[in-house]
Amino acid sequence: MLTESGCDSVMLMRVRRRFGRNASLILLPAICCAVSAYFGYSFIFGERGLLAWRQTQDELQIAQHELADLRAKREALAHRIALLDGKAIDPDLLEEVARGLLLETRPDEVAVPREKR
């Protein structure tokens, strides 16, 4: 007959074998779940994840609006430069520039100088 300590060691060996079998069955799915969780986290919160992509899209939209504003200002300046062409100067623009720079006025007008911004 088996003694009590012998029974415990047999029982311990059976538990170890069962645990070893179950661990091998669980190990592969656990590794797959861990890898999937890692890539899922990176997909959302990573350096090039969804949140970073959304932030980049917002920055792109702001930059496109700034570009449109700068293009409009450039076109306005190009139009003013075209009016100052040496062959035919626009009289209204000439008067506007002269009044702004020289503070020239007509006899019935008063010029009030302003601080430059």
Protein backbone atom coordinates (compact mmCIF):
# COMPACT_ATOMS: atom_id res chain seq x y z
CA MET A 1 0.00 0.00 0.00
CA LEU A 2 0.98 3.52 -0.62
CA THR A 3 1.84 5.68 2.25
CA GLU A 4 0.42 9.09 2.73
CA SER A 5 3.56 10.87 1.51
CA GLY A 6 3.71 8.56 -1.51
CA CYS A 7 0.08 9.38 -2.27
CA ASP A 8 0.82 13.07 -2.05
CA SER A 9 3.73 12.80 -4.45
CA VAL A 10 1.61 10.81 -6.94
CA MET A 11 -1.14 13.38 -6.65
CA LEU A 12 1.39 16.16 -7.14
CA MET A 13 2.74 14.52 -10.29
CA ARG A 14 -0.78 14.18 -11.70
CA VAL A 15 -1.47 17.86 -11.05
CA ARG A 16 1.79 18.85 -12.72
CA ARG A 17 0.99 16.76 -15.79
CA ARG A 18 -2.51 18.20 -16.07
CA PHE A 19 -1.18 21.71 -15.63
CA GLY A 20 1.48 21.09 -18.26
CA ARG A 21 -1.10 19.82 -20.75
CA ASN A 22 -3.48 22.71 -20.03
CA ALA A 23 -0.68 25.25 -20.20
CA SER A 24 0.36 24.05 -23.62
CA LEU A 25 -3.27 24.31 -24.78
CA ILE A 26 -3.63 27.84 -23.40
CA LEU A 27 -0.18 29.18 -24.30
CA LEU A 28 -0.70 29.72 -28.05
CA PRO A 29 -4.09 31.50 -27.74
CA ALA A 30 -2.69 33.65 -24.89
CA ILE A 31 0.26 34.72 -27.06
CA CYS A 32 -2.08 35.47 -29.96
CA CYS A 33 -4.33 37.57 -27.73
CA ALA A 34 -1.34 39.49 -26.36
CA VAL A 35 -0.02 40.23 -29.86
CA SER A 36 -3.50 41.26 -31.04
CA ALA A 37 -3.91 43.56 -28.04
CA TYR A 38 -0.51 45.15 -28.72
CA PHE A 39 -1.28 45.85 -32.36
CA GLY A 40 -4.81 47.01 -31.54
CA TYR A 41 -3.44 49.50 -29.02
CA SER A 42 -0.85 50.72 -31.51
CA PHE A 43 -3.53 51.04 -34.19
CA ILE A 44 -5.53 53.46 -32.03
CA PHE A 45 -3.04 55.17 -29.73
CA GLY A 46 0.27 54.67 -31.55
CA GLU A 47 2.51 57.25 -33.16
CA ARG A 48 0.70 56.76 -36.47
CA GLY A 49 -2.59 55.51 -35.05
CA LEU A 50 -6.13 56.76 -35.52
CA LEU A 51 -5.83 59.56 -32.98
CA ALA A 52 -2.60 60.85 -34.51
CA TRP A 53 -4.16 60.61 -37.97
CA ARG A 54 -7.15 62.70 -36.83
CA GLN A 55 -4.85 65.32 -35.34
CA THR A 56 -2.86 65.44 -38.57
CA GLN A 57 -6.07 65.91 -40.56
CA ASP A 58 -7.06 68.85 -38.32
CA GLU A 59 -3.63 70.45 -38.75
CA LEU A 60 -3.86 69.94 -42.52
CA GLN A 61 -7.24 71.68 -42.63
CA ILE A 62 -5.89 74.66 -40.69
CA ALA A 63 -2.86 74.87 -42.99
CA GLN A 64 -5.10 74.73 -46.09
CA HIS A 65 -7.21 77.63 -44.76
CA GLU A 66 -4.05 79.65 -44.07
CA LEU A 67 -2.79 78.87 -47.57
CA ALA A 68 -6.08 80.05 -49.09
CA ASP A 69 -5.85 83.31 -47.12
CA LEU A 70 -2.26 83.88 -48.21
CA ARG A 71 -3.14 83.20 -51.84
CA ALA A 72 -5.98 85.74 -51.66
CA LYS A 73 -3.61 88.34 -50.18
CA ARG A 74 -1.04 87.57 -52.85
CA GLU A 75 -3.61 88.03 -55.61
CA ALA A 76 -4.68 91.35 -54.10
CA LEU A 77 -1.07 92.54 -53.97
CA ALA A 78 -0.45 91.33 -57.52
CA HIS A 79 -3.49 93.34 -58.64
CA ARG A 80 -2.17 96.47 -56.92
CA ILE A 81 1.24 95.97 -58.51
CA ALA A 82 -0.40 95.59 -61.92
CA LEU A 83 -2.15 98.93 -61.34
CA LEU A 84 1.23 100.55 -60.66
CA ASP A 85 2.56 99.44 -64.04
CA GLY A 86 4.92 102.02 -65.53
CA LYS A 87 2.98 102.33 -68.79
CA ALA A 88 -0.36 103.31 -67.30
CA ILE A 89 -0.68 104.23 -63.61
CA ASP A 90 -4.19 104.13 -62.19
CA PRO A 91 -5.00 107.67 -61.02
CA ASP A 92 -7.09 106.51 -58.07
CA LEU A 93 -4.31 104.30 -56.76
CA LEU A 94 -1.75 107.06 -57.26
CA GLU A 95 -3.91 109.46 -55.26
CA GLU A 96 -4.40 106.87 -52.51
CA VAL A 97 -0.66 106.22 -52.19
CA ALA A 98 0.19 109.93 -52.30
CA ARG A 99 -2.33 110.75 -49.59
CA GLY A 100 -1.09 107.92 -47.41
CA LEU A 101 2.62 108.72 -47.72
CA LEU A 102 2.68 112.51 -48.07
CA LEU A 103 -0.49 113.39 -46.13
CA GLU A 104 -1.56 115.55 -49.03
CA THR A 105 -5.11 116.81 -48.89
CA ARG A 106 -7.47 118.91 -50.87
CA PRO A 107 -8.19 122.41 -49.62
CA ASP A 108 -11.49 121.37 -48.04
CA GLU A 109 -10.10 118.25 -46.28
CA VAL A 110 -8.27 117.71 -42.99
CA ALA A 111 -5.63 114.99 -42.60
CA VAL A 112 -5.37 113.19 -39.27
CA PRO A 113 -2.20 111.09 -39.00
CA ARG A 114 -2.61 107.65 -37.44
CA GLU A 115 -0.11 105.43 -35.73
CA LYS A 116 1.17 102.59 -37.88
CA ARG A 117 0.19 99.12 -36.75
